[in-house]
């Protein structure tokens, strides 16, 4: 039976409202669950204060349990590719365009992995305190000298304790889902530790849950681990090249609509022509 246009629109609006309401309920359940598991593991961390490595391990277990349950509650179909690279000691890097990225990373990083966040994370209620108790790393981004010193301390801690790292090289969450330029910190960490870099390419997360929205859509998600990139022969004179190398891997593995825009030679030449032509005619 074909509905009249007005009835079809009303039915679509009703379905959209049901979808939004269901999404709100799921987000509230996720929030309550996260507060509950965070409180439980905070107590565990306090008990384990004398044993730093055990706190890291428990922090990873907390992430595995909480992240997996939250993804189950949200209900998005998830496909994991390249899982054979998911349990190596390495620097894992990931694109970041949605809150869902955090849940996926919490769930999928191997035990013995620490994150790196700005030092102000300690002020995030409950979660920030658990982050510190779990012995994860913080950096001081207040000035370049402090940031470099923090990076060196982080690299020494990782090497000393035989840990892995998880880094979001964009430095912030993308507002429109498109890949942002990468910062150089992860390359410095790779060179200081000699560990390989394993890119985690997350696809579909921005469409599923956009920044600032409370509507989680049932969009299929893909987590793709790319083969490890050796860094033990990297040199300081090519840092920008290494950043571009890893960034280009993401450009090549993300959908065109989410990849970082790299103008072709033709486009750049055309822009130059327009600018020059305009300048001539304004003289």
Protein backbone atom coordinates (compact mmCIF):
# COMPACT_ATOMS: atom_id res chain seq x y z
CA UNK A 1 0.00 0.00 0.00
CA UNK A 2 1.37 3.39 -1.04
CA UNK A 3 0.86 6.11 1.58
CA UNK A 4 -0.12 9.67 0.59
CA UNK A 5 2.83 12.10 0.70
CA UNK A 6 1.62 13.74 3.95
CA UNK A 7 1.11 10.40 5.67
CA UNK A 8 4.54 9.19 4.51
CA UNK A 9 6.18 12.31 5.95
CA UNK A 10 4.34 11.88 9.26
CA UNK A 11 5.43 8.23 9.42
CA UNK A 12 9.05 9.20 8.77
CA UNK A 13 8.88 11.87 11.49
CA UNK A 14 7.44 9.36 13.93
CA UNK A 15 10.18 6.83 13.14
CA UNK A 16 12.82 9.55 13.58
CA UNK A 17 11.38 10.52 16.97
CA UNK A 18 11.39 6.87 18.11
CA UNK A 19 15.00 6.55 16.92
CA UNK A 20 16.05 9.67 18.83
CA UNK A 21 14.26 8.58 22.00
CA UNK A 22 15.85 5.12 21.82
CA UNK A 23 19.23 6.77 21.34
CA UNK A 24 18.77 8.96 24.43
CA UNK A 25 17.88 5.93 26.52
CA UNK A 26 20.97 4.08 25.30
CA UNK A 27 23.23 7.05 26.05
CA UNK A 28 21.81 7.40 29.57
CA UNK A 29 22.30 3.67 30.20
CA UNK A 30 25.89 3.96 28.89
CA UNK A 31 26.58 6.91 31.18
CA UNK A 32 25.18 5.15 34.25
CA UNK A 33 27.11 1.98 33.41
CA UNK A 34 30.34 3.92 32.93
CA UNK A 35 29.93 5.69 36.27
CA UNK A 36 29.26 2.34 37.97
CA UNK A 37 32.24 0.51 36.46
CA UNK A 38 34.48 3.55 37.01
CA UNK A 39 33.57 3.65 40.70
CA UNK A 40 34.20 -0.11 41.06
CA UNK A 41 37.60 0.02 39.35
CA UNK A 42 38.57 3.17 41.26
CA UNK A 43 38.32 1.15 44.47
CA UNK A 44 40.42 -1.62 42.90
CA UNK A 45 43.05 0.95 41.86
CA UNK A 46 43.29 2.37 45.37
CA UNK A 47 43.87 -1.13 46.75
CA UNK A 48 46.62 -1.63 44.13
CA UNK A 49 48.42 1.68 44.77
CA UNK A 50 51.73 -0.03 45.68
CA UNK A 51 51.73 -2.00 42.38
CA UNK A 52 51.84 0.41 39.39
CA UNK A 53 51.92 -2.25 36.65
CA UNK A 54 48.91 -4.05 38.13
CA UNK A 55 47.04 -0.76 38.05
CA UNK A 56 47.82 -0.42 34.33
CA UNK A 57 46.58 -3.96 33.76
CA UNK A 58 43.39 -3.32 35.73
CA UNK A 59 42.86 -0.09 33.81
CA UNK A 60 42.98 -2.07 30.56
CA UNK A 61 40.58 -4.68 31.94
CA UNK A 62 38.24 -1.86 32.96
CA UNK A 63 38.42 -0.54 29.39
CA UNK A 64 37.84 -3.96 27.84
CA UNK A 65 34.77 -4.63 29.98
CA UNK A 66 33.28 -1.11 29.87
CA UNK A 67 34.03 -0.45 26.21
CA UNK A 68 32.62 -3.77 24.99
CA UNK A 69 29.42 -3.47 27.04
CA UNK A 70 28.88 0.14 25.92
CA UNK A 71 29.27 -0.81 22.27
CA UNK A 72 26.77 -3.64 22.83
CA UNK A 73 24.29 -1.16 24.36
CA UNK A 74 24.69 1.28 21.47
CA UNK A 75 23.99 -1.60 19.08
CA UNK A 76 26.13 -0.66 16.06
CA UNK A 77 27.27 -3.60 13.90
CA UNK A 78 31.08 -3.80 14.16
CA UNK A 79 33.53 -5.39 11.73
CA UNK A 80 37.17 -5.88 12.80
CA UNK A 81 39.85 -6.35 10.15
CA UNK A 82 43.55 -7.10 10.60
CA UNK A 83 43.01 -8.50 14.10
CA UNK A 84 46.30 -10.40 13.79
CA UNK A 85 48.04 -7.06 14.51
CA UNK A 86 45.91 -6.20 17.53
CA UNK A 87 47.97 -7.78 20.29
CA UNK A 88 51.52 -6.62 19.57
CA UNK A 89 53.69 -4.31 21.64
CA UNK A 90 53.51 -1.12 19.62
CA UNK A 91 52.37 2.48 19.41
CA UNK A 92 48.74 2.24 18.30
CA UNK A 93 47.44 5.36 16.58
CA UNK A 94 43.81 6.08 15.75
CA UNK A 95 41.74 8.71 13.97
CA UNK A 96 39.21 10.47 16.18
CA UNK A 97 35.84 11.83 15.02
CA UNK A 98 33.28 10.61 17.59
CA UNK A 99 32.81 9.64 21.27
CA UNK A 100 32.43 6.08 19.97
CA UNK A 101 36.14 6.08 19.10
CA UNK A 102 36.97 6.16 22.82
CA UNK A 103 34.74 3.17 23.57
CA UNK A 104 36.24 1.17 20.70
CA UNK A 105 39.80 1.94 21.72
CA UNK A 106 39.08 1.12 25.38
CA UNK A 107 37.72 -2.24 24.29
CA UNK A 108 40.27 -3.21 21.65
CA UNK A 109 43.71 -2.10 22.85
CA UNK A 110 45.83 -4.94 24.28
CA UNK A 111 46.50 -5.36 28.00
CA UNK A 112 49.64 -3.47 28.98
CA UNK A 113 48.75 -0.35 26.98
CA UNK A 114 48.78 3.18 28.36
CA UNK A 115 47.26 6.32 26.91
CA UNK A 116 48.69 9.81 26.74
CA UNK A 117 46.44 12.76 27.57
CA UNK A 118 46.82 16.40 28.53
CA UNK A 119 47.55 16.86 32.22
CA UNK A 120 44.18 18.59 32.76
CA UNK A 121 42.36 15.26 32.37
CA UNK A 122 42.64 14.82 36.12
CA UNK A 123 39.87 17.41 36.50
CA UNK A 124 37.33 15.28 34.59
CA UNK A 125 34.94 13.98 37.28
CA UNK A 126 35.66 10.38 38.31
CA UNK A 127 37.01 9.31 34.91
CA UNK A 128 39.99 11.65 35.18
CA UNK A 129 40.90 10.36 38.61
CA UNK A 130 40.65 6.76 37.39
CA UNK A 131 42.90 7.64 34.45
CA UNK A 132 45.59 8.82 36.85
CA UNK A 133 45.09 5.87 39.22
CA UNK A 134 45.49 3.51 36.26
CA UNK A 135 48.99 4.96 35.86
CA UNK A 136 48.34 6.32 32.36
CA UNK A 137 50.57 9.10 31.12
CA UNK A 138 49.93 12.83 31.04
CA UNK A 139 51.77 15.56 29.18
CA UNK A 140 52.11 19.24 29.89
CA UNK A 141 51.12 21.14 26.75
CA UNK A 142 51.39 24.57 28.37
CA UNK A 143 54.62 25.34 26.50
CA UNK A 144 56.87 23.54 23.97
CA UNK A 145 59.70 22.91 26.46
CA UNK A 146 57.36 21.33 28.99
CA UNK A 147 55.71 19.24 26.26
CA UNK A 148 59.07 17.89 25.03
CA UNK A 149 60.10 17.03 28.58
CA UNK A 150 56.76 15.25 29.16
CA UNK A 151 57.22 13.26 25.94
CA UNK A 152 60.68 12.11 27.00
CA UNK A 153 59.37 11.04 30.41
CA UNK A 154 56.53 9.15 28.72
CA UNK A 155 58.93 7.37 26.35
CA UNK A 156 61.20 6.37 29.25
CA UNK A 157 58.24 5.01 31.24
CA UNK A 158 57.01 2.97 28.26
CA UNK A 159 60.44 1.51 27.51
CA UNK A 160 61.21 0.77 31.18
CA UNK A 161 57.94 -1.10 31.80
CA UNK A 162 57.65 -2.82 28.39
CA UNK A 163 54.31 -1.14 27.62
CA UNK A 164 52.34 -0.26 24.49
CA UNK A 165 50.88 3.17 23.74
CA UNK A 166 47.62 4.45 22.29
CA UNK A 167 47.71 7.91 20.67
CA UNK A 168 45.22 10.06 18.75
CA UNK A 169 47.69 11.87 16.44
CA UNK A 170 45.16 14.52 15.33
CA UNK A 171 45.33 15.91 18.86
CA UNK A 172 41.59 16.61 19.02
CA UNK A 173 38.29 15.25 17.79
CA UNK A 174 37.32 16.18 14.23
CA UNK A 175 34.13 18.25 14.16
CA UNK A 176 33.03 17.22 10.67
CA UNK A 177 34.43 13.70 10.52
CA UNK A 178 37.20 14.57 8.07
CA UNK A 179 40.75 13.60 8.92
CA UNK A 180 42.76 16.42 10.51
CA UNK A 181 46.51 17.05 10.14
CA UNK A 182 48.65 14.89 12.43
CA UNK A 183 50.84 16.30 15.18
CA UNK A 184 54.42 15.05 15.49
CA UNK A 185 54.34 13.69 19.03
CA UNK A 186 53.70 10.08 18.07
CA UNK A 187 56.72 10.10 15.73
CA UNK A 188 58.97 11.42 18.51
CA UNK A 189 57.67 8.68 20.81
CA UNK A 190 58.30 6.03 18.15
CA UNK A 191 61.86 7.23 17.61
CA UNK A 192 62.59 7.36 21.35
CA UNK A 193 61.17 3.89 22.06
CA UNK A 194 61.98 2.13 18.77
CA UNK A 195 58.51 0.57 18.80
CA UNK A 196 56.54 -0.04 15.59
CA UNK A 197 53.45 2.01 14.80
CA UNK A 198 50.17 0.18 14.18
CA UNK A 199 47.43 2.38 12.66
CA UNK A 200 43.85 1.69 13.74
CA UNK A 201 41.51 3.06 11.07
CA UNK A 202 38.01 3.69 12.45
CA UNK A 203 35.26 4.09 9.86
CA UNK A 204 31.62 5.04 10.38
CA UNK A 205 31.92 6.43 13.89
CA UNK A 206 31.24 10.06 12.95
CA UNK A 207 28.08 9.08 11.07
CA UNK A 208 27.00 6.97 14.04
CA UNK A 209 27.49 9.63 16.72
CA UNK A 210 28.39 13.17 15.75
CA UNK A 211 30.12 15.60 18.09
CA UNK A 212 27.59 17.54 20.18
CA UNK A 213 24.70 15.24 19.24
CA UNK A 214 22.66 12.90 21.45
CA UNK A 215 21.46 10.80 18.52
CA UNK A 216 23.35 7.56 17.96
CA UNK A 217 22.48 6.05 14.59
CA UNK A 218 22.75 2.29 13.84
CA UNK A 219 25.54 2.83 11.31
CA UNK A 220 27.90 -0.12 10.67
CA UNK A 221 31.39 0.47 12.05
CA UNK A 222 34.73 -0.88 10.87
CA UNK A 223 37.97 -1.13 12.83
CA UNK A 224 40.90 -1.92 10.56
CA UNK A 225 44.38 -2.63 11.93
CA UNK A 226 47.07 -1.89 9.35
CA UNK A 227 50.38 -3.81 9.31
CA UNK A 228 53.06 -2.54 11.75
CA UNK A 229 55.36 0.23 10.52
CA UNK A 230 58.97 -0.27 11.60
CA UNK A 231 60.54 2.80 13.20
CA UNK A 232 63.89 1.53 14.51
CA UNK A 233 65.75 3.04 11.54
CA UNK A 234 63.95 6.42 11.54
CA UNK A 235 66.09 9.57 11.72
CA UNK A 236 65.34 13.03 13.10
CA UNK A 237 65.87 14.74 9.76
CA UNK A 238 62.79 13.08 8.28
CA UNK A 239 60.19 13.60 11.00
CA UNK A 240 57.82 15.48 8.69
CA UNK A 241 58.12 12.68 6.12
CA UNK A 242 57.17 10.06 8.71
CA UNK A 243 54.15 12.08 9.84
CA UNK A 244 53.03 12.37 6.20
CA UNK A 245 53.64 8.64 5.64
CA UNK A 246 51.27 7.62 8.44
CA UNK A 247 48.75 10.35 7.57
CA UNK A 248 48.64 9.18 3.96
CA UNK A 249 47.87 5.64 5.10
CA UNK A 250 44.72 7.00 6.70
CA UNK A 251 43.85 9.02 3.62
CA UNK A 252 44.17 5.86 1.52
CA UNK A 253 42.09 3.71 3.91
CA UNK A 254 39.28 6.10 4.83
CA UNK A 255 36.25 6.78 2.62
CA UNK A 256 36.84 9.70 0.27
CA UNK A 257 34.28 11.83 2.14
CA UNK A 258 36.26 11.47 5.40
CA UNK A 259 39.81 11.64 4.06
CA UNK A 260 41.94 14.73 4.48
CA UNK A 261 41.67 16.98 1.43
CA UNK A 262 44.87 16.89 -0.61
CA UNK A 263 44.52 19.26 -3.60
CA UNK A 264 45.91 17.97 -6.83
CA UNK A 265 48.56 19.80 -8.83
CA UNK A 266 45.86 20.89 -11.26
CA UNK A 267 43.75 22.42 -8.49
CA UNK A 268 46.72 24.25 -6.98
CA UNK A 269 47.76 25.54 -10.41
CA UNK A 270 44.22 26.73 -11.12
CA UNK A 271 44.10 28.62 -7.81
CA UNK A 272 47.43 30.26 -8.59
CA UNK A 273 46.14 31.26 -12.03
CA UNK A 274 43.00 32.83 -10.54
CA UNK A 275 45.03 34.79 -7.99
CA UNK A 276 47.51 36.05 -10.57
CA UNK A 277 44.74 36.90 -13.05
CA UNK A 278 42.85 38.80 -10.37
CA UNK A 279 45.96 40.70 -9.33
CA UNK A 280 46.66 41.76 -12.94
CA UNK A 281 43.16 43.12 -13.39
CA UNK A 282 43.20 45.08 -10.14
CA UNK A 283 46.33 47.02 -11.14
